[in-house]
Amino acid sequence: MADVGGMDVSRETMADLQAFAALVLKWTPKINLISASSESLIWDRHIVDSVQIYRFAPDDVRLWLDIGSGGGFPGIVAAILGKARHPDAQFVLIESDQRKVVFLRTAIRDLGLAASVHANRIEDVPQIGADVVSARALGSLPVLLPLVSRHMNPAGVAILHKGRQASAEIDEARENWRFELEEKLSLTDPDARLLLLQRIHRAA
């Protein structure tokens, strides 16, 4: 076992994470999955940053939705961890960029993941009722909440990466939304946080 992002991962899981990192680097020159400046930092900036959110996944997660999946962070990484930790769970990714959809489906096939991709805009996908909704670098909290609440089941949890503007985004979101919130420090960026939101609904 090895520690990655605050989690013990098996040799098999580590191999899958490394294989995914290699796949991202192979495809990035063609479709810009990650920025050129972060290619040399892919392990900490993208892989570990994605792994760390799985620490807060419910024990009984059956359906995990990642919105705006882009290069597969954190959706593909979560599905890799789920192979061992939640073998009965399904992972659903939503991505509207068709080139990235091809990449995501290739990663799912190559790594043997229990995952699928909706090649559509988030607003156009039928309600999913996910136990977990994740998003990374997709938009501000006021923009995310209508999307998250649409696809999360009433007992679910949203796990969202946020940067140094998190407090301002939370304050703005509370003008129109009600939610239970836990904030967790990021293991990869002292200025970043992970927001865990439950019972999200519009303010009366």
N, C-alpha and C. Protein backbone atom coordinates (compact mmCIF):
# COMPACT_ATOMS: atom_id res chain seq x y z
N MET A 1 0.84 -1.20 0.00
CA MET A 1 0.00 0.00 0.00
C MET A 1 0.88 1.25 0.00
N ALA A 2 0.37 2.28 -0.63
CA ALA A 2 1.08 3.57 -0.66
C ALA A 2 0.09 4.68 -0.33
N ASP A 3 0.59 5.73 0.28
CA ASP A 3 -0.26 6.88 0.60
C ASP A 3 -0.27 7.84 -0.59
N VAL A 4 -1.47 8.10 -1.09
CA VAL A 4 -1.66 9.08 -2.16
C VAL A 4 -2.85 9.95 -1.78
N GLY A 5 -2.63 11.24 -1.66
CA GLY A 5 -3.74 12.14 -1.36
C GLY A 5 -4.45 11.81 -0.07
N GLY A 6 -3.70 11.33 0.93
CA GLY A 6 -4.31 11.00 2.22
C GLY A 6 -5.04 9.68 2.24
N MET A 7 -4.85 8.87 1.20
CA MET A 7 -5.51 7.57 1.13
C MET A 7 -4.49 6.47 0.88
N ASP A 8 -4.71 5.31 1.50
CA ASP A 8 -3.90 4.13 1.20
C ASP A 8 -4.41 3.50 -0.08
N VAL A 9 -3.55 3.36 -1.06
CA VAL A 9 -3.95 2.75 -2.33
C VAL A 9 -3.10 1.52 -2.59
N SER A 10 -3.70 0.52 -3.21
CA SER A 10 -3.01 -0.73 -3.51
C SER A 10 -2.04 -0.56 -4.67
N ARG A 11 -1.21 -1.55 -4.86
CA ARG A 11 -0.28 -1.54 -5.98
C ARG A 11 -1.04 -1.48 -7.31
N GLU A 12 -2.17 -2.19 -7.39
CA GLU A 12 -2.96 -2.19 -8.61
C GLU A 12 -3.56 -0.81 -8.89
N THR A 13 -4.08 -0.18 -7.83
CA THR A 13 -4.64 1.16 -7.99
C THR A 13 -3.57 2.16 -8.39
N MET A 14 -2.40 2.05 -7.76
CA MET A 14 -1.29 2.94 -8.11
C MET A 14 -0.91 2.77 -9.58
N ALA A 15 -0.89 1.52 -10.05
CA ALA A 15 -0.56 1.27 -11.46
C ALA A 15 -1.58 1.92 -12.39
N ASP A 16 -2.86 1.85 -12.01
CA ASP A 16 -3.91 2.48 -12.83
C ASP A 16 -3.76 4.00 -12.83
N LEU A 17 -3.46 4.57 -11.68
CA LEU A 17 -3.27 6.03 -11.61
C LEU A 17 -2.09 6.46 -12.48
N GLN A 18 -1.01 5.70 -12.42
CA GLN A 18 0.16 6.03 -13.23
C GLN A 18 -0.13 5.87 -14.73
N ALA A 19 -0.90 4.83 -15.06
CA ALA A 19 -1.27 4.61 -16.46
C ALA A 19 -2.15 5.75 -16.96
N PHE A 20 -3.04 6.23 -16.11
CA PHE A 20 -3.91 7.34 -16.51
C PHE A 20 -3.09 8.61 -16.70
N ALA A 21 -2.15 8.88 -15.80
CA ALA A 21 -1.29 10.05 -15.94
C ALA A 21 -0.54 10.00 -17.27
N ALA A 22 -0.03 8.82 -17.62
CA ALA A 22 0.70 8.67 -18.87
C ALA A 22 -0.23 8.91 -20.07
N LEU A 23 -1.47 8.45 -19.96
CA LEU A 23 -2.43 8.65 -21.05
C LEU A 23 -2.75 10.13 -21.23
N VAL A 24 -2.91 10.84 -20.13
CA VAL A 24 -3.17 12.29 -20.20
C VAL A 24 -2.01 12.99 -20.91
N LEU A 25 -0.78 12.66 -20.53
CA LEU A 25 0.38 13.30 -21.14
C LEU A 25 0.49 12.95 -22.63
N LYS A 26 0.09 11.74 -22.99
CA LYS A 26 0.14 11.34 -24.40
C LYS A 26 -0.86 12.13 -25.24
N TRP A 27 -2.06 12.36 -24.70
CA TRP A 27 -3.12 13.04 -25.45
C TRP A 27 -3.05 14.56 -25.39
N THR A 28 -2.42 15.10 -24.36
CA THR A 28 -2.46 16.55 -24.14
C THR A 28 -1.94 17.37 -25.32
N PRO A 29 -0.87 16.97 -26.02
CA PRO A 29 -0.44 17.79 -27.16
C PRO A 29 -1.51 17.92 -28.24
N LYS A 30 -2.42 16.95 -28.31
CA LYS A 30 -3.45 16.98 -29.35
C LYS A 30 -4.68 17.77 -28.93
N ILE A 31 -5.10 17.62 -27.65
CA ILE A 31 -6.37 18.25 -27.27
C ILE A 31 -6.29 19.05 -25.97
N ASN A 32 -5.08 19.35 -25.49
CA ASN A 32 -4.92 20.29 -24.37
C ASN A 32 -5.74 19.90 -23.14
N LEU A 33 -5.49 18.69 -22.64
CA LEU A 33 -6.21 18.23 -21.45
C LEU A 33 -5.78 18.97 -20.19
N ILE A 34 -4.49 19.24 -20.10
CA ILE A 34 -3.96 20.04 -19.00
C ILE A 34 -3.03 21.09 -19.59
N SER A 35 -2.74 22.13 -18.84
CA SER A 35 -1.89 23.20 -19.37
C SER A 35 -0.45 22.70 -19.50
N ALA A 36 0.26 23.26 -20.46
CA ALA A 36 1.65 22.88 -20.68
C ALA A 36 2.49 23.11 -19.42
N SER A 37 2.15 24.16 -18.68
CA SER A 37 2.94 24.48 -17.49
C SER A 37 2.76 23.47 -16.37
N SER A 38 1.67 22.69 -16.42
CA SER A 38 1.43 21.73 -15.34
C SER A 38 1.77 20.30 -15.73
N GLU A 39 2.27 20.08 -16.95
CA GLU A 39 2.57 18.72 -17.38
C GLU A 39 3.59 18.05 -16.46
N SER A 40 4.63 18.80 -16.09
CA SER A 40 5.67 18.22 -15.22
C SER A 40 5.19 18.03 -13.80
N LEU A 41 4.06 18.65 -13.46
CA LEU A 41 3.51 18.57 -12.11
C LEU A 41 2.23 17.73 -12.06
N ILE A 42 2.01 16.91 -13.09
CA ILE A 42 0.73 16.23 -13.22
C ILE A 42 0.37 15.39 -12.00
N TRP A 43 1.37 14.78 -11.36
CA TRP A 43 1.04 13.88 -10.25
C TRP A 43 0.42 14.65 -9.09
N ASP A 44 1.10 15.70 -8.61
CA ASP A 44 0.58 16.45 -7.46
C ASP A 44 -0.59 17.36 -7.85
N ARG A 45 -0.46 18.07 -8.95
CA ARG A 45 -1.45 19.09 -9.28
C ARG A 45 -2.77 18.49 -9.76
N HIS A 46 -2.71 17.32 -10.37
CA HIS A 46 -3.92 16.75 -10.95
C HIS A 46 -4.31 15.40 -10.34
N ILE A 47 -3.38 14.45 -10.29
CA ILE A 47 -3.73 13.13 -9.76
C ILE A 47 -4.00 13.20 -8.26
N VAL A 48 -3.05 13.64 -7.48
CA VAL A 48 -3.24 13.69 -6.02
C VAL A 48 -4.36 14.65 -5.65
N ASP A 49 -4.45 15.76 -6.36
CA ASP A 49 -5.52 16.73 -6.09
C ASP A 49 -6.90 16.10 -6.29
N SER A 50 -6.99 15.15 -7.22
CA SER A 50 -8.25 14.46 -7.46
C SER A 50 -8.47 13.32 -6.47
N VAL A 51 -7.40 12.59 -6.17
CA VAL A 51 -7.51 11.47 -5.21
C VAL A 51 -8.05 11.94 -3.87
N GLN A 52 -7.61 13.10 -3.41
CA GLN A 52 -7.92 13.52 -2.04
C GLN A 52 -9.42 13.65 -1.78
N ILE A 53 -10.23 13.90 -2.80
CA ILE A 53 -11.65 14.08 -2.55
C ILE A 53 -12.33 12.76 -2.17
N TYR A 54 -11.72 11.64 -2.57
CA TYR A 54 -12.36 10.35 -2.30
C TYR A 54 -12.39 10.04 -0.80
N ARG A 55 -11.58 10.74 -0.02
CA ARG A 55 -11.61 10.56 1.44
C ARG A 55 -12.99 10.87 2.01
N PHE A 56 -13.76 11.68 1.30
CA PHE A 56 -15.04 12.14 1.82
C PHE A 56 -16.23 11.48 1.14
N ALA A 57 -15.96 10.44 0.37
CA ALA A 57 -17.05 9.70 -0.28
C ALA A 57 -17.83 8.90 0.76
N PRO A 58 -19.15 8.84 0.67
CA PRO A 58 -19.94 8.02 1.59
C PRO A 58 -19.57 6.55 1.46
N ASP A 59 -19.73 5.81 2.55
CA ASP A 59 -19.42 4.38 2.51
C ASP A 59 -20.30 3.62 1.53
N ASP A 60 -21.54 4.10 1.35
CA ASP A 60 -22.50 3.35 0.54
C ASP A 60 -22.73 3.97 -0.83
N VAL A 61 -21.75 4.70 -1.35
CA VAL A 61 -21.94 5.34 -2.66
C VAL A 61 -22.19 4.29 -3.74
N ARG A 62 -23.24 4.53 -4.53
CA ARG A 62 -23.59 3.66 -5.65
C ARG A 62 -23.46 4.37 -6.99
N LEU A 63 -23.67 5.68 -6.97
CA LEU A 63 -23.64 6.45 -8.21
C LEU A 63 -22.90 7.76 -7.99
N TRP A 64 -21.81 7.92 -8.71
CA TRP A 64 -20.95 9.12 -8.59
C TRP A 64 -21.02 9.86 -9.91
N LEU A 65 -21.34 11.14 -9.85
CA LEU A 65 -21.41 11.98 -11.04
C LEU A 65 -20.33 13.04 -10.99
N ASP A 66 -19.56 13.13 -12.07
CA ASP A 66 -18.56 14.19 -12.20
C ASP A 66 -19.01 15.10 -13.34
N ILE A 67 -19.18 16.38 -13.05
CA ILE A 67 -19.69 17.30 -14.07
C ILE A 67 -18.56 18.16 -14.62
N GLY A 68 -18.61 18.40 -15.93
CA GLY A 68 -17.55 19.15 -16.58
C GLY A 68 -16.21 18.44 -16.45
N SER A 69 -16.18 17.17 -16.85
CA SER A 69 -15.06 16.30 -16.50
C SER A 69 -13.74 16.66 -17.18
N GLY A 70 -13.78 17.32 -18.32
CA GLY A 70 -12.55 17.76 -18.96
C GLY A 70 -11.60 16.61 -19.23
N GLY A 71 -10.40 16.68 -18.64
CA GLY A 71 -9.40 15.64 -18.82
C GLY A 71 -9.53 14.47 -17.88
N GLY A 72 -10.66 14.41 -17.14
CA GLY A 72 -10.88 13.28 -16.25
C GLY A 72 -10.53 13.52 -14.80
N PHE A 73 -10.35 14.78 -14.45
CA PHE A 73 -10.05 15.14 -13.06
C PHE A 73 -11.23 15.88 -12.45
N PRO A 74 -11.86 15.32 -11.42
CA PRO A 74 -11.49 14.09 -10.73
C PRO A 74 -12.23 12.83 -11.19
N GLY A 75 -13.08 12.89 -12.21
CA GLY A 75 -13.98 11.78 -12.51
C GLY A 75 -13.30 10.45 -12.79
N ILE A 76 -12.30 10.44 -13.68
CA ILE A 76 -11.61 9.18 -13.99
C ILE A 76 -10.83 8.70 -12.78
N VAL A 77 -10.19 9.62 -12.09
CA VAL A 77 -9.44 9.25 -10.89
C VAL A 77 -10.37 8.62 -9.85
N ALA A 78 -11.54 9.20 -9.65
CA ALA A 78 -12.51 8.62 -8.71
C ALA A 78 -12.92 7.22 -9.14
N ALA A 79 -13.13 7.03 -10.44
CA ALA A 79 -13.52 5.71 -10.94
C ALA A 79 -12.40 4.68 -10.73
N ILE A 80 -11.16 5.12 -10.86
CA ILE A 80 -10.03 4.23 -10.60
C ILE A 80 -10.03 3.79 -9.13
N LEU A 81 -10.21 4.72 -8.22
CA LEU A 81 -10.27 4.38 -6.79
C LEU A 81 -11.48 3.51 -6.49
N GLY A 82 -12.57 3.77 -7.19
CA GLY A 82 -13.80 3.02 -6.95
C GLY A 82 -13.71 1.56 -7.31
N LYS A 83 -12.80 1.19 -8.21
CA LYS A 83 -12.64 -0.22 -8.58
C LYS A 83 -12.41 -1.09 -7.35
N ALA A 84 -11.62 -0.59 -6.42
CA ALA A 84 -11.31 -1.35 -5.20
C ALA A 84 -12.22 -0.99 -4.04
N ARG A 85 -12.57 0.29 -3.91
CA ARG A 85 -13.28 0.74 -2.71
C ARG A 85 -14.79 0.63 -2.81
N HIS A 86 -15.32 0.80 -3.99
CA HIS A 86 -16.77 0.67 -4.22
C HIS A 86 -17.00 -0.09 -5.52
N PRO A 87 -16.70 -1.38 -5.52
CA PRO A 87 -16.73 -2.14 -6.78
C PRO A 87 -18.10 -2.23 -7.43
N ASP A 88 -19.16 -1.96 -6.68
CA ASP A 88 -20.51 -2.00 -7.25
C ASP A 88 -20.99 -0.62 -7.73
N ALA A 89 -20.20 0.40 -7.51
CA ALA A 89 -20.61 1.76 -7.87
C ALA A 89 -20.42 2.02 -9.36
N GLN A 90 -21.25 2.92 -9.88
CA GLN A 90 -21.11 3.40 -11.25
C GLN A 90 -20.65 4.86 -11.22
N PHE A 91 -19.81 5.20 -12.16
CA PHE A 91 -19.28 6.56 -12.27
C PHE A 91 -19.73 7.14 -13.60
N VAL A 92 -20.37 8.30 -13.53
CA VAL A 92 -20.91 8.95 -14.73
C VAL A 92 -20.21 10.30 -14.89
N LEU A 93 -19.71 10.55 -16.07
CA LEU A 93 -19.01 11.79 -16.37
C LEU A 93 -19.81 12.57 -17.42
N ILE A 94 -19.88 13.88 -17.24
CA ILE A 94 -20.53 14.74 -18.22
C ILE A 94 -19.49 15.68 -18.80
N GLU A 95 -19.37 15.68 -20.13
CA GLU A 95 -18.40 16.53 -20.82
C GLU A 95 -18.95 16.86 -22.20
N SER A 96 -19.00 18.14 -22.54
CA SER A 96 -19.59 18.55 -23.82
C SER A 96 -18.57 18.65 -24.96
N ASP A 97 -17.28 18.74 -24.62
CA ASP A 97 -16.24 18.83 -25.65
C ASP A 97 -16.03 17.43 -26.25
N GLN A 98 -16.37 17.27 -27.53
CA GLN A 98 -16.37 15.94 -28.15
C GLN A 98 -14.99 15.30 -28.20
N ARG A 99 -13.95 16.09 -28.34
CA ARG A 99 -12.60 15.52 -28.35
C ARG A 99 -12.25 14.96 -26.98
N LYS A 100 -12.63 15.67 -25.94
CA LYS A 100 -12.37 15.18 -24.58
C LYS A 100 -13.22 13.96 -24.27
N VAL A 101 -14.42 13.91 -24.83
CA VAL A 101 -15.28 12.73 -24.66
C VAL A 101 -14.58 11.49 -25.21
N VAL A 102 -13.97 11.62 -26.39
CA VAL A 102 -13.24 10.49 -26.98
C VAL A 102 -12.11 10.06 -26.05
N PHE A 103 -11.38 11.03 -25.50
CA PHE A 103 -10.31 10.71 -24.56
C PHE A 103 -10.84 9.98 -23.33
N LEU A 104 -11.91 10.51 -22.73
CA LEU A 104 -12.47 9.92 -21.52
C LEU A 104 -12.92 8.48 -21.77
N ARG A 105 -13.56 8.26 -22.89
CA ARG A 105 -14.03 6.91 -23.21
C ARG A 105 -12.86 5.97 -23.47
N THR A 106 -11.78 6.50 -24.04
CA THR A 106 -10.58 5.69 -24.23
C THR A 106 -9.98 5.30 -22.88
N ALA A 107 -9.90 6.25 -21.96
CA ALA A 107 -9.37 5.96 -20.62
C ALA A 107 -10.23 4.92 -19.90
N ILE A 108 -11.54 5.06 -20.01
CA ILE A 108 -12.45 4.11 -19.37
C ILE A 108 -12.24 2.70 -19.92
N ARG A 109 -12.11 2.61 -21.23
CA ARG A 109 -11.91 1.30 -21.85
C ARG A 109 -10.54 0.72 -21.48
N ASP A 110 -9.50 1.52 -21.60
CA ASP A 110 -8.14 1.02 -21.36
C ASP A 110 -7.94 0.59 -19.91
N LEU A 111 -8.60 1.27 -18.99
CA LEU A 111 -8.40 0.99 -17.56
C LEU A 111 -9.48 0.08 -16.98
N GLY A 112 -10.45 -0.30 -17.80
CA GLY A 112 -11.49 -1.22 -17.33
C GLY A 112 -12.34 -0.65 -16.22
N LEU A 113 -12.81 0.57 -16.40
CA LEU A 113 -13.55 1.27 -15.34
C LEU A 113 -15.06 1.10 -15.50
N ALA A 114 -15.75 1.10 -14.37
CA ALA A 114 -17.23 1.05 -14.37
C ALA A 114 -17.75 2.47 -14.51
N ALA A 115 -17.56 3.03 -15.70
CA ALA A 115 -17.87 4.44 -15.92
C ALA A 115 -18.44 4.63 -17.32
N SER A 116 -19.15 5.75 -17.49
CA SER A 116 -19.71 6.12 -18.78
C SER A 116 -19.64 7.63 -18.91
N VAL A 117 -19.80 8.10 -20.14
CA VAL A 117 -19.69 9.54 -20.41
C VAL A 117 -20.94 10.02 -21.14
N HIS A 118 -21.53 11.11 -20.64
CA HIS A 118 -22.59 11.82 -21.36
C HIS A 118 -21.92 12.92 -22.17
N ALA A 119 -22.01 12.83 -23.49
CA ALA A 119 -21.40 13.84 -24.37
C ALA A 119 -22.42 14.94 -24.61
N ASN A 120 -22.62 15.77 -23.59
CA ASN A 120 -23.68 16.76 -23.66
C ASN A 120 -23.41 17.88 -22.67
N ARG A 121 -24.20 18.94 -22.78
CA ARG A 121 -24.15 19.99 -21.76
C ARG A 121 -24.83 19.48 -20.49
N ILE A 122 -24.35 19.93 -19.36
CA ILE A 122 -24.87 19.44 -18.08
C ILE A 122 -26.37 19.71 -17.97
N GLU A 123 -26.80 20.87 -18.45
CA GLU A 123 -28.21 21.25 -18.35
C GLU A 123 -29.11 20.35 -19.18
N ASP A 124 -28.54 19.69 -20.20
CA ASP A 124 -29.35 18.90 -21.11
C ASP A 124 -29.41 17.42 -20.76
N VAL A 125 -28.67 17.02 -19.72
CA VAL A 125 -28.66 15.61 -19.31
C VAL A 125 -29.83 15.37 -18.35
N PRO A 126 -30.62 14.32 -18.55
CA PRO A 126 -31.70 14.01 -17.61
C PRO A 126 -31.18 13.87 -16.18
N GLN A 127 -32.04 14.20 -15.23
CA GLN A 127 -31.63 14.14 -13.82
C GLN A 127 -31.08 12.77 -13.48
N ILE A 128 -29.98 12.75 -12.72
CA ILE A 128 -29.26 11.50 -12.48
C ILE A 128 -29.47 10.95 -11.08
N GLY A 129 -29.66 11.80 -10.08
CA GLY A 129 -29.88 11.32 -8.71
C GLY A 129 -28.66 10.70 -8.09
N ALA A 130 -27.51 11.37 -8.23
CA ALA A 130 -26.24 10.82 -7.78
C ALA A 130 -26.07 10.92 -6.26
N ASP A 131 -25.33 9.96 -5.72
CA ASP A 131 -24.96 10.00 -4.29
C ASP A 131 -23.85 11.01 -4.06
N VAL A 132 -22.96 11.14 -5.04
CA VAL A 132 -21.87 12.11 -4.99
C VAL A 132 -21.84 12.88 -6.30
N VAL A 133 -21.71 14.20 -6.20
CA VAL A 133 -21.47 15.03 -7.39
C VAL A 133 -20.16 15.76 -7.17
N SER A 134 -19.24 15.60 -8.10
CA SER A 134 -17.95 16.28 -7.99
C SER A 134 -17.77 17.25 -9.16
N ALA A 135 -16.95 18.28 -8.93
CA ALA A 135 -16.62 19.24 -9.98
C ALA A 135 -15.32 19.91 -9.59
N ARG A 136 -14.50 20.16 -10.61
CA ARG A 136 -13.20 20.79 -10.39
C ARG A 136 -12.96 21.80 -11.50
N ALA A 137 -12.68 23.02 -11.12
CA ALA A 137 -12.35 24.08 -12.09
C ALA A 137 -13.44 24.26 -13.14
N LEU A 138 -14.69 24.21 -12.70
CA LEU A 138 -15.80 24.32 -13.65
C LEU A 138 -16.49 25.67 -13.62
N GLY A 139 -16.61 26.28 -12.44
CA GLY A 139 -17.29 27.56 -12.35
C GLY A 139 -17.40 27.97 -10.89
N SER A 140 -17.91 29.18 -10.67
CA SER A 140 -18.08 29.68 -9.31
C SER A 140 -19.21 28.91 -8.62
N LEU A 141 -19.25 28.97 -7.31
CA LEU A 141 -20.27 28.24 -6.55
C LEU A 141 -21.69 28.65 -6.95
N PRO A 142 -22.00 29.94 -7.13
CA PRO A 142 -23.36 30.28 -7.56
C PRO A 142 -23.72 29.67 -8.92
N VAL A 143 -22.73 29.49 -9.79
CA VAL A 143 -22.98 28.87 -11.09
C VAL A 143 -23.16 27.36 -10.94
N LEU A 144 -22.40 26.75 -10.04
CA LEU A 144 -22.43 25.30 -9.87
C LEU A 144 -23.69 24.79 -9.18
N LEU A 145 -24.21 25.53 -8.22
CA LEU A 145 -25.28 24.98 -7.39
C LEU A 145 -26.53 24.57 -8.17
N PRO A 146 -27.00 25.32 -9.16
CA PRO A 146 -28.15 24.83 -9.92
C PRO A 146 -27.86 23.51 -10.64
N LEU A 147 -26.64 23.35 -11.12
CA LEU A 147 -26.26 22.13 -11.83
C LEU A 147 -26.15 20.96 -10.86
N VAL A 148 -25.50 21.21 -9.72
CA VAL A 148 -25.32 20.16 -8.72
C VAL A 148 -26.66 19.71 -8.16
N SER A 149 -27.49 20.67 -7.77
CA SER A 149 -28.76 20.31 -7.12
C SER A 149 -29.68 19.55 -8.08
N ARG A 150 -29.56 19.82 -9.36
CA ARG A 150 -30.38 19.12 -10.36
C ARG A 150 -30.06 17.63 -10.40
N HIS A 151 -28.81 17.28 -10.20
CA HIS A 151 -28.38 15.90 -10.42
C HIS A 151 -28.07 15.12 -9.16
N MET A 152 -28.16 15.73 -7.98
CA MET A 152 -27.82 15.06 -6.74
C MET A 152 -29.07 14.55 -6.04
N ASN A 153 -29.02 13.35 -5.49
CA ASN A 153 -30.19 12.87 -4.75
C ASN A 153 -30.30 13.61 -3.41
N PRO A 154 -31.47 13.63 -2.78
CA PRO A 154 -31.67 14.45 -1.58
C PRO A 154 -30.73 14.14 -0.42
N ALA A 155 -30.23 12.91 -0.37
CA ALA A 155 -29.32 12.53 0.70
C ALA A 155 -27.86 12.57 0.25
N GLY A 156 -27.61 13.10 -0.94
CA GLY A 156 -26.27 13.07 -1.52
C GLY A 156 -25.36 14.16 -0.98
N VAL A 157 -24.12 14.14 -1.48
CA VAL A 157 -23.13 15.14 -1.09
C VAL A 157 -22.41 15.62 -2.35
N ALA A 158 -22.18 16.93 -2.42
CA ALA A 158 -21.36 17.50 -3.48
C ALA A 158 -19.98 17.76 -2.91
N ILE A 159 -18.95 17.39 -3.66
CA ILE A 159 -17.57 17.62 -3.25
C ILE A 159 -16.93 18.48 -4.33
N LEU A 160 -16.65 19.73 -3.99
CA LEU A 160 -16.23 20.71 -4.98
C LEU A 160 -14.87 21.29 -4.63
N HIS A 161 -13.96 21.32 -5.60
CA HIS A 161 -12.68 21.99 -5.43
C HIS A 161 -12.89 23.50 -5.54
N LYS A 162 -12.30 24.24 -4.62
CA LYS A 162 -12.40 25.69 -4.69
C LYS A 162 -11.06 26.32 -4.31
N GLY A 163 -10.77 27.48 -4.89
CA GLY A 163 -9.52 28.17 -4.63
C GLY A 163 -9.66 29.28 -3.60
N ARG A 164 -8.83 30.27 -3.74
CA ARG A 164 -8.74 31.31 -2.71
C ARG A 164 -9.98 32.20 -2.64
N GLN A 165 -10.85 32.13 -3.66
CA GLN A 165 -12.08 32.92 -3.65
C GLN A 165 -13.25 32.17 -3.00
N ALA A 166 -12.97 31.07 -2.35
CA ALA A 166 -14.04 30.22 -1.82
C ALA A 166 -14.98 30.98 -0.89
N SER A 167 -14.44 31.76 0.02
CA SER A 167 -15.30 32.46 1.00
C SER A 167 -16.25 33.44 0.31
N ALA A 168 -15.73 34.16 -0.66
CA ALA A 168 -16.58 35.12 -1.39
C ALA A 168 -17.65 34.37 -2.18
N GLU A 169 -17.30 33.24 -2.76
CA GLU A 169 -18.28 32.46 -3.53
C GLU A 169 -19.37 31.90 -2.61
N ILE A 170 -18.98 31.45 -1.42
CA ILE A 170 -19.96 30.93 -0.47
C ILE A 170 -20.93 32.03 -0.07
N ASP A 171 -20.40 33.20 0.25
CA ASP A 171 -21.27 34.32 0.64
C ASP A 171 -22.24 34.68 -0.47
N GLU A 172 -21.76 34.71 -1.71
CA GLU A 172 -22.63 35.05 -2.84
C GLU A 172 -23.69 33.96 -3.04
N ALA A 173 -23.28 32.70 -2.92
CA ALA A 173 -24.23 31.60 -3.12
C ALA A 173 -25.34 31.61 -2.08
N ARG A 174 -25.00 32.02 -0.85
CA ARG A 174 -26.01 32.00 0.22
C ARG A 174 -27.10 33.05 0.01
N GLU A 175 -26.90 33.97 -0.91
CA GLU A 175 -27.95 34.95 -1.19
C GLU A 175 -29.17 34.28 -1.81
N ASN A 176 -28.97 33.18 -2.54
CA ASN A 176 -30.08 32.53 -3.24
C ASN A 176 -30.25 31.05 -2.91
N TRP A 177 -29.32 30.50 -2.13
CA TRP A 177 -29.34 29.07 -1.87
C TRP A 177 -29.16 28.77 -0.39
N ARG A 178 -29.69 27.64 0.03
CA ARG A 178 -29.47 27.13 1.39
C ARG A 178 -28.78 25.78 1.27
N PHE A 179 -27.81 25.53 2.13
CA PHE A 179 -27.08 24.27 2.09
C PHE A 179 -26.30 24.09 3.38
N GLU A 180 -26.04 22.82 3.70
CA GLU A 180 -25.13 22.48 4.79
C GLU A 180 -23.72 22.39 4.21
N LEU A 181 -22.76 22.96 4.91
CA LEU A 181 -21.42 23.08 4.34
C LEU A 181 -20.35 22.64 5.34
N GLU A 182 -19.43 21.84 4.85
CA GLU A 182 -18.18 21.56 5.56
C GLU A 182 -17.04 21.98 4.65
N GLU A 183 -16.05 22.62 5.23
CA GLU A 183 -14.87 23.02 4.46
C GLU A 183 -13.67 22.21 4.92
N LYS A 184 -12.94 21.65 3.95
CA LYS A 184 -11.75 20.86 4.24
C LYS A 184 -10.56 21.50 3.55
N LEU A 185 -9.42 21.51 4.24
CA LEU A 185 -8.22 22.06 3.63
C LEU A 185 -7.72 21.13 2.53
N SER A 186 -7.26 21.70 1.44
CA SER A 186 -6.67 20.91 0.37
C SER A 186 -5.29 20.43 0.79
N LEU A 187 -4.95 19.21 0.41
CA LEU A 187 -3.63 18.66 0.70
C LEU A 187 -2.58 19.12 -0.31
N THR A 188 -3.03 19.71 -1.42
CA THR A 188 -2.10 20.05 -2.50
C THR A 188 -1.89 21.55 -2.68
N ASP A 189 -2.73 22.36 -2.06
CA ASP A 189 -2.64 23.81 -2.26
C ASP A 189 -3.11 24.50 -0.98
N PRO A 190 -2.23 25.22 -0.28
CA PRO A 190 -2.63 25.86 0.99
C PRO A 190 -3.72 26.90 0.83
N ASP A 191 -3.91 27.41 -0.38
CA ASP A 191 -4.95 28.42 -0.62
C ASP A 191 -6.28 27.81 -1.05
N ALA A 192 -6.30 26.51 -1.28
CA ALA A 192 -7.50 25.86 -1.81
C ALA A 192 -8.26 25.11 -0.72
N ARG A 193 -9.51 24.82 -1.00
CA ARG A 193 -10.36 24.07 -0.07
C ARG A 193 -11.22 23.10 -0.85
N LEU A 194 -11.69 22.10 -0.13
CA LEU A 194 -12.72 21.22 -0.65
C LEU A 194 -14.00 21.56 0.09
N LEU A 195 -15.06 21.83 -0.66
CA LEU A 195 -16.35 22.14 -0.06
C LEU A 195 -17.25 20.92 -0.15
N LEU A 196 -17.78 20.51 0.99
CA LEU A 196 -18.73 19.40 1.04
C LEU A 196 -20.10 19.99 1.34
N LEU A 197 -21.02 19.88 0.39
CA LEU A 197 -22.34 20.48 0.52
C LEU A 197 -23.41 19.41 0.50
N GLN A 198 -24.38 19.55 1.40
CA GLN A 198 -25.53 18.67 1.46
C GLN A 198 -26.81 19.49 1.61
N ARG A 199 -27.94 18.85 1.32
CA ARG A 199 -29.26 19.46 1.47
C ARG A 199 -29.32 20.82 0.80
N ILE A 200 -28.99 20.82 -0.47
CA ILE A 200 -28.96 22.05 -1.26
C ILE A 200 -30.36 22.35 -1.79
N HIS A 201 -30.82 23.57 -1.55
CA HIS A 201 -32.10 23.99 -2.13
C HIS A 201 -32.13 25.50 -2.26
N ARG A 202 -32.95 25.96 -3.14
CA ARG A 202 -33.07 27.41 -3.35
C ARG A 202 -33.71 28.07 -2.13
N ALA A 203 -33.27 29.27 -1.85
CA ALA A 203 -33.87 30.02 -0.75
C ALA A 203 -35.31 30.37 -1.08
N ALA A 204 -36.14 30.39 -0.07
CA ALA A 204 -37.57 30.68 -0.29
C ALA A 204 -37.74 32.14 -0.71
